[in-house]
Amino acid sequence: MATMLKRNPPVLSDRTSRYWFLDKEQLKERLSIRWIILPLVFLDGLMVLAAAWLAYQTRFHILTYRTAYDINVYKLVALRILPVWLIIMASYHLYNKRIIFGGMAEYSAIFGATAVGMVALVVYTFLDRSLTSPISRGWLILDWLYALILLGGERFLYRRFVYWLRTRGFFTRRALIVGVNEEGKLIASQLMTSPRHGVEVLGFVDNIVKRGASVAGLPVLGSMEGLDALVQVLNVELLIIIPTALERPALLDLYRDWAYRQGVELTLSSGLYELFTTGVRVQSIGNLPLINLDRTRITGVDAAIKRAMDIVGAAIGIAVLFVPYLIVSFIIRRDSPGPAIYRRRVVGLGGKEFDAFKLRTMRVDAEAFMRSHPELRREWQESGKLKNDPRVTRVGRILRRYSLDELPQLLNVLRGEMSLVGPRMITPEELRHFGPWRYNLLTVRPGMTGLWQVSGRSDLPYDERVRLDMYYIRNYSFWLDLRILLATVKVVMRGSGAY
């Protein structure tokens, strides 16, 4: 089988075909994880020494000028404690390929490692009687603060550099997806749209779909009988098993054959891809490993930072826009009869319903008008929007064009019902458009803005809005939120795609 594959190599996508110009040893060296970790160890050591030097300069040349302290003593302490710092960082899994570049989890590990490193430094200075002068307590504190800042900043920049390399095919793990069904297609799509995570999917392996067929833009490379040969020829490092696409005996055979194979990692899809946007925990009950799902997608440090950004942003927005809001409210009431504020019943985190505040942009009898015009109701049910809505007032059209009608939702953000950035808020009736993805939607707070708004706003078809919301939920990060907020300003200023 292996000889036949070498003479007749599997059909690969354009993205992977370039690897046929490399032999196995070149490919292995090009993708080896050690070329990521070794520079990281060196850079971490450099940052630890830089923190010690900056702490000395700050303590003795900026805060108070003291010549009595011998810099050679501090150099000696920094160099002697450096291996201990690196060992502590390794113990916090900061050089584990499964942990590094893990977002807030990595920063949390850095905080813990630097705190323990400071304790080790204090213990060392207390026990080492060979030091010719006492170590300043101010230097110790500054050393910890600088180490925390420098290591965090270095990891942030290094991660971006590695992401950049991965998008160009370097430092990626070559993977095969075993099993073709809807879940397999979705997983392939997710991995292909996130190349920075370092997994390059070469194609599918399946016993039913024939070799050479195209599934989700990837080729079917063969059957499970030829999996061993495919792994060898293609230098595969990761097998992603789709249990829902396989019969139980085939699944057990795969695990038996590959679970302990050196050089190849075996991973199993959950079988509940539509639900697993939240984190999971394995809990042992009665000596049985059972999976618990987190109720929310964003947890821990990520949730705290996102909530802090929401509170600060909403408070500043309310303070700055309070007077303009009063003026606009007065204009709305003069333009058409009725209140200035409209309450829209929408679905929030965990399926809890709440009233989202908006400046009124329609006539007060909008619902009755809709019921009396079936053609408008059909358009609304199909797309969730009316492009030329006759219910919108003159002032309302201006407010919608520049999204000014959304400003009262800053109060919803402050109350914790919404976020500055998140999926589009929807009514309970609109949940049907999300199908099986509606469970994902309920794991995060709806946002005043989101990917849907910066990618076309109301000009997008409904299924594309659903896709963008799902992408945001699965790929949330603090930096994604910042990019969306900055892009929102540009989109709103242009006033395009809103009606």
Protein backbone atom coordinates (compact mmCIF):
# COMPACT_ATOMS: atom_id res chain seq x y z
CA MET A 1 0.00 0.00 0.00
CA ALA A 2 2.79 2.46 0.92
CA THR A 3 4.63 1.75 -2.37
CA MET A 4 1.44 2.33 -4.36
CA LEU A 5 0.82 5.64 -2.57
CA LYS A 6 4.33 6.87 -3.33
CA ARG A 7 3.81 6.13 -7.05
CA ASN A 8 0.29 7.55 -7.00
CA PRO A 9 0.20 10.20 -4.24
CA PRO A 10 -3.17 11.29 -2.83
CA VAL A 11 -4.80 14.34 -4.33
CA LEU A 12 -4.11 17.24 -1.96
CA SER A 13 -5.52 20.74 -1.86
CA ASP A 14 -3.48 23.64 -3.28
CA ARG A 15 -2.69 24.69 0.25
CA THR A 16 -0.78 21.49 1.02
CA SER A 17 0.62 20.45 -2.34
CA ARG A 18 3.76 22.55 -1.85
CA TYR A 19 4.99 20.03 0.75
CA TRP A 20 5.64 17.41 -1.94
CA PHE A 21 8.79 19.38 -2.83
CA LEU A 22 10.29 18.51 0.58
CA ASP A 23 11.52 15.13 1.75
CA LYS A 24 10.45 13.71 5.08
CA GLU A 25 13.46 14.95 7.09
CA GLN A 26 13.20 18.50 5.71
CA LEU A 27 9.51 18.56 6.48
CA LYS A 28 10.07 17.28 10.02
CA GLU A 29 12.68 19.97 10.71
CA ARG A 30 10.47 22.67 9.23
CA LEU A 31 7.51 21.81 11.40
CA SER A 32 9.32 20.84 14.61
CA ILE A 33 7.92 22.43 17.76
CA ARG A 34 11.39 22.73 19.27
CA TRP A 35 12.14 25.63 16.93
CA ILE A 36 9.33 27.49 18.69
CA ILE A 37 10.20 26.54 22.28
CA LEU A 38 14.00 26.99 22.27
CA PRO A 39 13.88 30.68 21.27
CA LEU A 40 11.10 31.13 23.81
CA VAL A 41 13.33 29.84 26.63
CA PHE A 42 16.10 32.21 25.53
CA LEU A 43 13.73 35.20 25.32
CA ASP A 44 12.22 34.39 28.74
CA GLY A 45 15.70 34.32 30.28
CA LEU A 46 16.53 37.62 28.62
CA MET A 47 13.34 39.20 29.99
CA VAL A 48 14.10 37.95 33.53
CA LEU A 49 17.57 39.53 33.39
CA ALA A 50 16.16 42.72 31.85
CA ALA A 51 13.62 42.94 34.68
CA ALA A 52 16.41 42.71 37.26
CA TRP A 53 18.40 45.46 35.50
CA LEU A 54 15.37 47.75 35.13
CA ALA A 55 14.46 47.20 38.78
CA TYR A 56 17.98 48.25 39.81
CA GLN A 57 17.91 51.37 37.63
CA THR A 58 14.45 52.34 38.87
CA ARG A 59 15.22 51.73 42.55
CA PHE A 60 18.63 53.34 42.76
CA HIS A 61 18.69 55.90 39.93
CA ILE A 62 15.11 57.09 39.52
CA LEU A 63 13.22 56.71 42.80
CA THR A 64 16.23 57.54 45.01
CA TYR A 65 19.85 57.87 44.01
CA ARG A 66 21.94 55.53 46.16
CA THR A 67 25.55 54.70 45.36
CA ALA A 68 26.03 52.51 48.39
CA TYR A 69 24.42 49.52 46.72
CA ASP A 70 26.84 47.44 44.67
CA ILE A 71 25.42 46.60 41.23
CA ASN A 72 27.66 43.53 41.05
CA VAL A 73 25.72 41.99 43.93
CA TYR A 74 22.47 42.35 42.02
CA LYS A 75 24.06 40.99 38.84
CA LEU A 76 25.22 37.95 40.78
CA VAL A 77 21.80 37.37 42.33
CA ALA A 78 20.03 37.74 38.96
CA LEU A 79 22.36 35.28 37.21
CA ARG A 80 22.23 32.68 40.00
CA ILE A 81 18.45 32.77 40.26
CA LEU A 82 17.86 32.71 36.47
CA PRO A 83 17.86 28.87 36.14
CA VAL A 84 15.39 28.69 39.03
CA TRP A 85 13.06 31.13 37.25
CA LEU A 86 13.15 29.03 34.08
CA ILE A 87 12.51 25.81 36.02
CA ILE A 88 9.54 27.43 37.75
CA MET A 89 8.16 28.59 34.39
CA ALA A 90 8.56 25.09 33.01
CA SER A 91 6.69 23.71 36.03
CA TYR A 92 3.81 26.02 35.10
CA HIS A 93 3.74 24.34 31.65
CA LEU A 94 4.91 27.51 29.91
CA TYR A 95 7.05 25.39 27.56
CA ASN A 96 4.44 22.70 26.99
CA LYS A 97 3.28 22.67 23.36
CA ARG A 98 -0.27 22.01 24.55
CA ILE A 99 -0.32 25.11 26.77
CA ILE A 100 1.75 27.84 25.11
CA PHE A 101 -0.09 30.46 23.06
CA GLY A 102 -3.26 29.69 25.00
CA GLY A 103 -4.41 33.27 25.53
CA MET A 104 -5.39 34.27 29.06
CA ALA A 105 -4.47 30.83 30.38
CA GLU A 106 -0.86 31.54 29.41
CA TYR A 107 -0.91 34.96 31.07
CA SER A 108 -2.37 33.43 34.24
CA ALA A 109 0.48 30.90 34.26
CA ILE A 110 2.99 33.75 33.85
CA PHE A 111 1.47 35.55 36.84
CA GLY A 112 1.74 32.41 38.98
CA ALA A 113 5.28 31.64 37.82
CA THR A 114 6.55 35.17 38.49
CA ALA A 115 4.94 35.19 41.94
CA VAL A 116 6.66 31.90 42.83
CA GLY A 117 9.86 33.21 41.25
CA MET A 118 9.79 36.22 43.55
CA VAL A 119 9.35 33.95 46.58
CA ALA A 120 12.34 31.89 45.40
CA LEU A 121 14.33 35.11 45.03
CA VAL A 122 13.47 36.24 48.57
CA VAL A 123 14.41 32.83 49.99
CA TYR A 124 17.70 32.83 48.11
CA THR A 125 18.73 36.31 49.31
CA PHE A 126 17.85 35.28 52.87
CA LEU A 127 19.89 32.06 52.79
CA ASP A 128 22.95 33.19 50.81
CA ARG A 129 25.40 34.49 53.40
CA SER A 130 28.04 35.24 50.74
CA LEU A 131 26.26 38.41 49.62
CA THR A 132 28.32 41.45 50.57
CA SER A 133 25.34 43.76 51.04
CA PRO A 134 21.64 43.37 51.86
CA ILE A 135 19.16 43.20 48.99
CA SER A 136 16.70 46.07 48.74
CA ARG A 137 13.05 45.15 49.30
CA GLY A 138 12.07 47.80 46.77
CA TRP A 139 14.26 46.09 44.17
CA LEU A 140 12.58 42.74 44.87
CA ILE A 141 9.10 44.18 44.33
CA LEU A 142 10.12 46.09 41.21
CA ASP A 143 11.87 43.00 39.85
CA TRP A 144 8.63 41.03 40.13
CA LEU A 145 6.55 43.79 38.49
CA TYR A 146 8.99 44.24 35.62
CA ALA A 147 9.26 40.47 35.11
CA LEU A 148 5.47 40.19 34.94
CA ILE A 149 5.21 43.03 32.40
CA LEU A 150 8.18 42.02 30.25
CA LEU A 151 7.34 38.32 30.14
CA GLY A 152 3.70 39.05 29.32
CA GLY A 153 4.67 41.51 26.59
CA GLU A 154 7.29 39.17 25.14
CA ARG A 155 4.82 36.27 25.02
CA PHE A 156 2.21 38.49 23.36
CA LEU A 157 4.59 39.61 20.59
CA TYR A 158 6.12 36.16 20.14
CA ARG A 159 2.67 34.61 19.83
CA ARG A 160 1.77 37.04 17.04
CA PHE A 161 5.00 36.17 15.26
CA VAL A 162 4.26 32.43 15.48
CA TYR A 163 0.68 33.03 14.29
CA TRP A 164 2.10 34.89 11.31
CA LEU A 165 4.44 31.99 10.51
CA ARG A 166 1.63 29.45 10.85
CA THR A 167 -0.55 31.30 8.35
CA ARG A 168 2.33 30.77 5.92
CA GLY A 169 2.60 27.05 6.53
CA PHE A 170 5.40 26.94 9.13
CA PHE A 171 5.18 25.18 12.51
CA THR A 172 1.91 23.44 11.71
CA ARG A 173 0.84 19.90 12.48
CA ARG A 174 -0.43 17.91 9.54
CA ALA A 175 -3.78 16.31 10.32
CA LEU A 176 -6.28 13.87 8.87
CA ILE A 177 -9.97 13.79 9.79
CA VAL A 178 -11.24 10.22 10.10
CA GLY A 179 -14.95 10.06 9.32
CA VAL A 180 -17.12 12.10 6.97
CA ASN A 181 -20.39 13.54 8.28
CA GLU A 182 -21.77 16.97 9.13
CA GLU A 183 -19.67 17.24 12.30
CA GLY A 184 -16.52 16.34 10.39
CA LYS A 185 -17.27 19.04 7.81
CA LEU A 186 -17.82 21.66 10.52
CA ILE A 187 -14.59 20.77 12.31
CA ALA A 188 -12.65 20.92 9.05
CA SER A 189 -14.15 24.32 8.28
CA GLN A 190 -13.29 25.65 11.74
CA LEU A 191 -9.68 24.51 11.49
CA MET A 192 -9.22 25.81 7.94
CA THR A 193 -10.51 29.26 8.89
CA SER A 194 -8.15 29.42 11.90
CA PRO A 195 -4.66 28.65 10.52
CA ARG A 196 -2.99 30.44 13.41
CA HIS A 197 -3.80 27.47 15.66
CA GLY A 198 -1.26 25.43 13.73
CA VAL A 199 -3.32 22.52 12.39
CA GLU A 200 -3.20 21.88 8.65
CA VAL A 201 -5.96 19.52 7.61
CA LEU A 202 -4.82 17.50 4.61
CA GLY A 203 -8.12 15.77 4.00
CA PHE A 204 -10.54 13.06 5.11
CA VAL A 205 -10.32 9.31 5.55
CA ASP A 206 -13.59 7.40 5.23
CA ASN A 207 -14.82 3.93 4.32
CA ILE A 208 -18.00 5.08 2.59
CA VAL A 209 -17.09 8.22 0.65
CA LYS A 210 -14.80 7.28 -2.22
CA ARG A 211 -11.21 8.40 -2.56
CA GLY A 212 -10.84 11.60 -4.62
CA ALA A 213 -14.21 13.05 -3.63
CA SER A 214 -14.26 16.60 -2.28
CA VAL A 215 -15.80 17.27 1.14
CA ALA A 216 -15.89 20.80 2.61
CA GLY A 217 -13.19 21.82 0.14
CA LEU A 218 -10.87 18.96 1.15
CA PRO A 219 -10.15 15.67 -0.63
CA VAL A 220 -11.02 12.22 0.65
CA LEU A 221 -7.57 10.59 0.61
CA GLY A 222 -8.52 6.97 1.18
CA SER A 223 -10.17 4.45 3.48
CA MET A 224 -9.29 3.43 7.02
CA GLU A 225 -7.60 0.28 5.74
CA GLY A 226 -4.93 2.49 4.16
CA LEU A 227 -4.62 4.88 7.12
CA ASP A 228 -1.24 3.53 8.21
CA ALA A 229 0.28 4.13 4.78
CA LEU A 230 -1.28 7.60 4.51
CA VAL A 231 0.19 8.62 7.87
CA GLN A 232 3.66 7.50 6.79
CA VAL A 233 3.63 9.02 3.32
CA LEU A 234 2.05 12.34 4.35
CA ASN A 235 3.98 12.62 7.65
CA VAL A 236 0.74 13.06 9.58
CA GLU A 237 1.09 14.10 13.22
CA LEU A 238 -2.56 14.39 14.25
CA LEU A 239 -5.60 12.18 13.70
CA ILE A 240 -8.97 13.78 14.43
CA ILE A 241 -11.55 11.04 14.90
CA ILE A 242 -15.26 11.76 14.35
CA PRO A 243 -17.02 9.12 16.53
CA THR A 244 -20.48 9.95 15.16
CA ALA A 245 -19.30 9.00 11.65
CA LEU A 246 -17.94 5.58 12.64
CA GLU A 247 -19.41 2.35 13.83
CA ARG A 248 -18.40 1.36 17.33
CA PRO A 249 -16.13 -1.60 16.33
CA ALA A 250 -14.25 0.65 13.87
CA LEU A 251 -13.85 3.31 16.56
CA LEU A 252 -12.44 0.81 19.04
CA ASP A 253 -10.06 -0.57 16.41
CA LEU A 254 -8.77 2.93 15.68
CA TYR A 255 -8.12 3.60 19.33
CA ARG A 256 -6.38 0.26 19.79
CA ASP A 257 -4.12 0.83 16.77
CA TRP A 258 -3.28 4.52 17.25
CA ALA A 259 -3.70 5.59 20.88
CA TYR A 260 -0.12 4.69 21.83
CA ARG A 261 1.59 5.18 18.45
CA GLN A 262 4.67 7.37 18.81
CA GLY A 263 4.73 10.53 16.73
CA VAL A 264 0.99 10.56 16.06
CA GLU A 265 -1.53 12.20 18.39
CA LEU A 266 -5.05 10.80 18.47
CA THR A 267 -7.94 13.14 19.30
CA LEU A 268 -11.67 12.46 19.38
CA SER A 269 -14.35 14.96 18.48
CA SER A 270 -16.97 15.42 21.17
CA GLY A 271 -19.91 14.33 19.03
CA LEU A 272 -21.72 17.48 20.20
CA TYR A 273 -20.01 20.13 18.10
CA GLU A 274 -23.11 22.35 18.12
CA LEU A 275 -22.98 22.54 21.93
CA PHE A 276 -19.26 22.61 22.67
CA THR A 277 -18.52 26.30 22.33
CA THR A 278 -18.19 26.49 26.10
CA GLY A 279 -15.34 25.04 28.11
CA VAL A 280 -15.58 21.48 29.37
CA ARG A 281 -14.36 19.78 32.52
CA VAL A 282 -13.88 16.07 33.08
CA GLN A 283 -15.36 15.02 36.41
CA SER A 284 -14.99 11.59 37.94
CA ILE A 285 -18.22 10.25 39.46
CA GLY A 286 -18.23 6.67 40.67
CA ASN A 287 -14.84 6.21 38.96
CA LEU A 288 -16.49 7.16 35.65
CA PRO A 289 -15.04 10.08 33.64
CA LEU A 290 -18.00 12.34 32.81
CA ILE A 291 -17.96 15.64 30.90
CA ASN A 292 -19.39 18.82 32.40
CA LEU A 293 -20.10 21.78 30.13
CA ASP A 294 -19.60 25.35 31.34
CA ARG A 295 -22.80 27.35 31.17
CA THR A 296 -21.06 30.31 29.52
CA ARG A 297 -18.53 30.54 26.71
CA ILE A 298 -16.34 33.23 28.32
CA THR A 299 -15.12 32.40 31.83
CA GLY A 300 -12.38 33.21 34.33
CA VAL A 301 -9.93 36.00 33.54
CA ASP A 302 -11.42 36.46 30.06
CA ALA A 303 -14.86 37.12 31.55
CA ALA A 304 -13.46 39.55 34.14
CA ILE A 305 -11.58 41.57 31.51
CA LYS A 306 -14.54 41.64 29.13
CA ARG A 307 -16.88 42.76 31.90
CA ALA A 308 -14.43 45.46 33.05
CA MET A 309 -14.20 46.77 29.47
CA ASP A 310 -18.00 46.80 29.24
CA ILE A 311 -18.44 48.74 32.49
CA VAL A 312 -15.75 51.32 31.70
CA GLY A 313 -16.88 51.76 28.09
CA ALA A 314 -20.57 52.03 28.97
CA ALA A 315 -19.96 54.47 31.85
CA ILE A 316 -17.84 56.75 29.64
CA GLY A 317 -20.37 56.52 26.81
CA ILE A 318 -23.29 57.44 29.05
CA ALA A 319 -21.41 60.39 30.57
CA VAL A 320 -20.32 61.78 27.20
CA LEU A 321 -23.60 61.20 25.34
CA PHE A 322 -26.12 62.12 28.04
CA VAL A 323 -26.79 65.68 26.77
CA PRO A 324 -26.93 64.65 23.07
CA TYR A 325 -29.31 61.87 24.09
CA LEU A 326 -31.70 64.39 25.69
CA ILE A 327 -31.63 66.53 22.55
CA VAL A 328 -32.30 63.56 20.25
CA SER A 329 -35.13 62.36 22.52
CA PHE A 330 -36.78 65.77 22.26
CA ILE A 331 -36.49 65.69 18.44
CA ILE A 332 -38.04 62.20 18.29
CA ARG A 333 -41.07 63.28 20.29
CA ARG A 334 -41.53 66.36 18.10
CA ASP A 335 -41.24 64.32 14.89
CA SER A 336 -43.91 61.73 15.76
CA PRO A 337 -46.23 61.09 18.71
CA GLY A 338 -45.14 58.59 21.32
CA PRO A 339 -42.29 57.93 23.78
CA ALA A 340 -38.64 58.47 22.85
CA ILE A 341 -37.56 55.04 24.15
CA TYR A 342 -38.63 51.74 22.65
CA ARG A 343 -38.27 48.48 24.58
CA ARG A 344 -37.50 45.41 22.50
CA ARG A 345 -37.89 42.00 24.13
CA VAL A 346 -34.79 39.94 23.29
CA VAL A 347 -32.97 36.81 24.43
CA GLY A 348 -29.81 37.10 26.52
CA LEU A 349 -27.27 34.93 28.29
CA GLY A 350 -28.65 31.53 29.25
CA GLY A 351 -31.91 32.20 27.37
CA LYS A 352 -33.01 34.85 29.86
CA GLU A 353 -35.24 37.46 28.23
CA PHE A 354 -34.85 41.18 28.88
CA ASP A 355 -35.88 44.55 27.44
CA ALA A 356 -33.23 46.10 25.20
CA PHE A 357 -33.54 49.88 25.11
CA LYS A 358 -33.54 51.72 21.79
CA LEU A 359 -34.43 55.20 20.62
CA ARG A 360 -37.78 54.89 18.88
CA THR A 361 -37.41 54.96 15.10
CA MET A 362 -40.92 53.75 14.15
CA ARG A 363 -44.47 54.92 14.48
CA VAL A 364 -46.11 53.76 17.71
CA ASP A 365 -48.58 51.46 15.90
CA ALA A 366 -45.78 49.55 14.11
CA GLU A 367 -47.00 46.09 15.19
CA ALA A 368 -50.58 46.71 14.07
CA PHE A 369 -49.29 48.10 10.75
CA MET A 370 -47.24 44.92 10.23
CA ARG A 371 -50.26 42.68 10.90
CA SER A 372 -52.28 44.53 8.30
CA HIS A 373 -49.59 44.07 5.62
CA PRO A 374 -48.88 40.32 5.09
CA GLU A 375 -46.17 40.98 2.47
CA LEU A 376 -44.13 42.93 5.04
CA ARG A 377 -44.55 40.16 7.59
CA ARG A 378 -43.30 37.55 5.10
CA GLU A 379 -40.20 39.60 4.37
CA TRP A 380 -39.58 40.02 8.09
CA GLN A 381 -39.92 36.29 8.79
CA GLU A 382 -37.48 35.44 5.98
CA SER A 383 -34.72 37.96 6.69
CA GLY A 384 -35.42 39.57 10.07
CA LYS A 385 -35.28 43.02 8.39
CA LEU A 386 -37.35 45.22 6.09
CA LYS A 387 -35.17 47.10 3.61
CA ASN A 388 -37.77 49.78 2.87
CA ASP A 389 -39.76 49.73 6.07
CA PRO A 390 -42.74 52.14 5.78
CA ARG A 391 -43.08 52.19 9.57
CA VAL A 392 -39.78 54.06 10.06
CA THR A 393 -40.12 57.80 10.79
CA ARG A 394 -38.08 60.58 9.14
CA VAL A 395 -35.86 61.02 12.19
CA GLY A 396 -35.74 57.25 12.62
CA ARG A 397 -34.07 56.78 9.22
CA ILE A 398 -31.24 59.09 10.23
CA LEU A 399 -30.85 57.41 13.60
CA ARG A 400 -30.70 53.96 11.99
CA ARG A 401 -28.24 55.00 9.32
CA TYR A 402 -25.66 55.96 11.93
CA SER A 403 -26.81 53.43 14.58
CA LEU A 404 -27.68 56.25 16.99
CA ASP A 405 -30.84 54.38 17.97
CA GLU A 406 -28.63 51.80 19.73
CA LEU A 407 -27.10 54.28 22.22
CA PRO A 408 -29.57 53.60 25.10
CA GLN A 409 -28.27 50.01 25.11
CA LEU A 410 -25.27 51.36 27.01
CA LEU A 411 -27.59 51.10 29.99
CA ASN A 412 -28.20 47.41 29.18
CA VAL A 413 -24.42 46.93 29.07
CA LEU A 414 -24.00 48.62 32.44
CA ARG A 415 -26.73 46.38 33.90
CA GLY A 416 -24.91 43.26 32.65
CA GLU A 417 -27.61 42.24 30.17
CA MET A 418 -25.52 43.05 27.09
CA SER A 419 -21.89 43.53 26.12
CA LEU A 420 -20.23 46.18 23.97
CA VAL A 421 -19.23 43.41 21.53
CA GLY A 422 -21.09 40.16 20.97
CA PRO A 423 -23.57 38.33 18.74
CA ARG A 424 -26.49 40.28 17.36
CA MET A 425 -29.36 40.54 19.82
CA ILE A 426 -32.44 38.64 18.64
CA THR A 427 -36.04 38.12 19.68
CA PRO A 428 -37.28 34.72 20.94
CA GLU A 429 -38.99 34.19 17.57
CA GLU A 430 -35.71 34.67 15.66
CA LEU A 431 -34.03 31.77 17.47
CA ARG A 432 -35.45 29.42 14.84
CA HIS A 433 -33.08 30.91 12.25
CA PHE A 434 -30.13 29.55 14.23
CA GLY A 435 -31.31 25.92 14.19
CA PRO A 436 -28.93 23.70 16.21
CA TRP A 437 -26.63 26.71 16.78
CA ARG A 438 -29.14 28.43 19.06
CA TYR A 439 -27.57 26.71 22.07
CA ASN A 440 -24.26 28.41 21.25
CA LEU A 441 -25.94 31.79 20.99
CA LEU A 442 -27.19 31.57 24.56
CA THR A 443 -23.68 31.08 26.01
CA VAL A 444 -22.66 34.74 25.58
CA ARG A 445 -24.26 38.15 26.08
CA PRO A 446 -25.58 39.86 22.95
CA GLY A 447 -23.56 42.86 21.83
CA MET A 448 -24.22 46.44 20.79
CA THR A 449 -21.88 45.70 17.90
CA GLY A 450 -20.28 42.58 16.49
CA LEU A 451 -18.83 40.88 13.43
CA TRP A 452 -22.19 41.10 11.67
CA GLN A 453 -22.16 44.90 11.93
CA VAL A 454 -18.61 45.46 10.70
CA SER A 455 -19.07 42.92 7.87
CA GLY A 456 -22.05 44.42 6.09
CA ARG A 457 -24.72 45.12 8.73
CA SER A 458 -28.25 44.66 7.39
CA ASP A 459 -27.06 44.01 3.82
CA LEU A 460 -26.00 40.51 4.90
CA PRO A 461 -28.36 37.55 4.36
CA TYR A 462 -29.59 35.95 7.55
CA ASP A 463 -27.56 32.75 7.20
CA GLU A 464 -24.38 34.82 6.86
CA ARG A 465 -25.23 36.72 10.06
CA VAL A 466 -25.66 33.39 11.83
CA ARG A 467 -22.28 32.21 10.53
CA LEU A 468 -20.54 35.39 11.71
CA ASP A 469 -22.13 35.14 15.15
CA MET A 470 -20.98 31.53 15.47
CA TYR A 471 -17.46 32.47 14.34
CA TYR A 472 -17.29 35.18 17.00
CA ILE A 473 -18.47 32.84 19.76
CA ARG A 474 -15.99 30.11 18.84
CA ASN A 475 -13.04 32.46 18.30
CA TYR A 476 -13.60 35.08 21.02
CA SER A 477 -10.60 36.94 22.32
CA PHE A 478 -9.99 40.33 23.94
CA TRP A 479 -8.10 41.44 20.81
CA LEU A 480 -10.95 40.41 18.53
CA ASP A 481 -13.24 42.63 20.61
CA LEU A 482 -10.85 45.57 20.23
CA ARG A 483 -10.63 45.10 16.47
CA ILE A 484 -14.42 44.97 16.18
CA LEU A 485 -14.85 48.15 18.26
CA LEU A 486 -12.36 50.05 16.09
CA ALA A 487 -13.97 48.75 12.89
CA THR A 488 -17.43 49.72 14.21
CA VAL A 489 -16.43 53.38 14.41
CA LYS A 490 -15.42 53.34 10.73
CA VAL A 491 -18.59 51.51 9.61
CA VAL A 492 -20.92 53.77 11.58
CA MET A 493 -19.24 56.91 10.23
CA ARG A 494 -19.88 55.67 6.66
CA GLY A 495 -23.48 54.84 7.52
CA SER A 496 -23.65 51.96 5.03
CA GLY A 497 -25.71 48.80 5.34
CA ALA A 498 -28.10 50.12 8.01
CA TYR A 499 -31.85 50.48 7.51
